Amino acid sequence: MTEKPRRILKQFQEKSHTIAHLMGEDSEFLALCEDYDACVEALRYWEHSREPEAKARVNEYRTLVQELEEEIRVTLEAQPLD
């Protein structure tokens, strides 16, 4: 990915400094944010899809997005305050 994930910065604006730092220093956190971006993008795709499996995919991606958000939130809460 040529550009660092942006969606997570919007989701946790109050932690933008910590997020930027972690993305630059922690490859696992960066991968987590990239996964979050990919899931949000997929969710948006399936929300507008007319494919027969769209409803199931929307449910799956909503769950994934929520799980990733929670994992990111836990990581951010474990960091020193901004």
Protein backbone atom coordinates (compact mmCIF):
# COMPACT_ATOMS: atom_id res chain seq x y z
CA MET A 1 0.00 0.00 0.00
CA THR A 2 1.57 3.28 -1.07
CA GLU A 3 -0.47 5.51 1.19
CA LYS A 4 -1.02 4.97 4.89
CA PRO A 5 -4.58 4.14 5.89
CA ARG A 6 -6.75 7.20 6.40
CA ARG A 7 -10.07 5.79 7.56
CA ILE A 8 -8.75 4.89 10.99
CA LEU A 9 -7.48 8.45 11.43
CA LYS A 10 -11.01 9.70 10.81
CA GLN A 11 -12.52 7.09 13.14
CA PHE A 12 -10.21 7.99 16.05
CA GLN A 13 -9.43 11.67 15.39
CA GLU A 14 -8.62 12.34 19.02
CA LYS A 15 -5.79 9.79 18.80
CA SER A 16 -4.34 10.93 15.47
CA HIS A 17 -0.87 11.62 16.89
CA THR A 18 -0.67 8.17 18.47
CA ILE A 19 -2.02 6.50 15.34
CA ALA A 20 0.50 8.25 13.10
CA HIS A 21 3.32 7.28 15.46
CA LEU A 22 2.23 3.64 15.67
CA MET A 23 1.80 3.37 11.90
CA GLY A 24 5.37 4.54 11.47
CA GLU A 25 6.86 2.37 14.20
CA ASP A 26 4.73 -0.76 14.47
CA SER A 27 4.29 -2.86 11.32
CA GLU A 28 1.62 -5.00 13.00
CA PHE A 29 -0.45 -1.92 13.86
CA LEU A 30 -0.02 -0.62 10.31
CA ALA A 31 -1.22 -3.97 8.93
CA LEU A 32 -4.20 -3.83 11.29
CA CYS A 33 -5.11 -0.37 9.96
CA GLU A 34 -4.67 -1.56 6.37
CA ASP A 35 -6.97 -4.49 7.10
CA TYR A 36 -9.50 -2.07 8.56
CA ASP A 37 -9.38 0.10 5.43
CA ALA A 38 -9.80 -2.96 3.19
CA CYS A 39 -12.78 -4.20 5.19
CA VAL A 40 -14.49 -0.81 5.16
CA GLU A 41 -13.98 -0.65 1.40
CA ALA A 42 -15.38 -4.16 0.95
CA LEU A 43 -18.34 -3.35 3.21
CA ARG A 44 -19.18 -0.31 1.10
CA TYR A 45 -18.96 -2.41 -2.06
CA TRP A 46 -21.31 -5.10 -0.73
CA GLU A 47 -23.75 -2.54 0.69
CA HIS A 48 -24.34 -1.33 -2.87
CA SER A 49 -24.19 -4.74 -4.55
CA ARG A 50 -27.20 -6.50 -5.99
CA GLU A 51 -25.51 -9.89 -5.93
CA PRO A 52 -27.48 -12.66 -4.21
CA GLU A 53 -24.84 -13.05 -1.50
CA ALA A 54 -24.65 -9.32 -0.75
CA LYS A 55 -26.66 -9.42 2.49
CA ALA A 56 -24.46 -12.18 3.93
CA ARG A 57 -21.28 -10.35 2.90
CA VAL A 58 -22.53 -7.10 4.43
CA ASN A 59 -23.10 -8.89 7.73
CA GLU A 60 -19.66 -10.52 7.58
CA TYR A 61 -17.84 -7.28 6.79
CA ARG A 62 -19.75 -5.30 9.41
CA THR A 63 -18.61 -7.83 11.99
CA LEU A 64 -15.02 -7.68 10.74
CA VAL A 65 -15.01 -3.87 10.81
CA GLN A 66 -16.33 -3.86 14.38
CA GLU A 67 -13.76 -6.43 15.49
CA LEU A 68 -10.90 -4.51 13.89
CA GLU A 69 -12.11 -1.24 15.41
CA GLU A 70 -12.15 -2.87 18.83
CA GLU A 71 -8.65 -4.29 18.36
CA ILE A 72 -7.38 -0.86 17.29
CA ARG A 73 -9.19 0.80 20.21
CA VAL A 74 -7.55 -1.60 22.69
CA THR A 75 -4.13 -0.93 21.18
CA LEU A 76 -4.66 2.83 21.37
CA GLU A 77 -5.91 2.69 24.96
CA ALA A 78 -2.74 0.83 25.95
CA GLN A 79 -0.61 3.75 24.69
CA PRO A 80 0.42 6.78 26.74
CA LEU A 81 -1.92 9.75 26.35
CA ASP A 82 -1.50 12.10 23.36
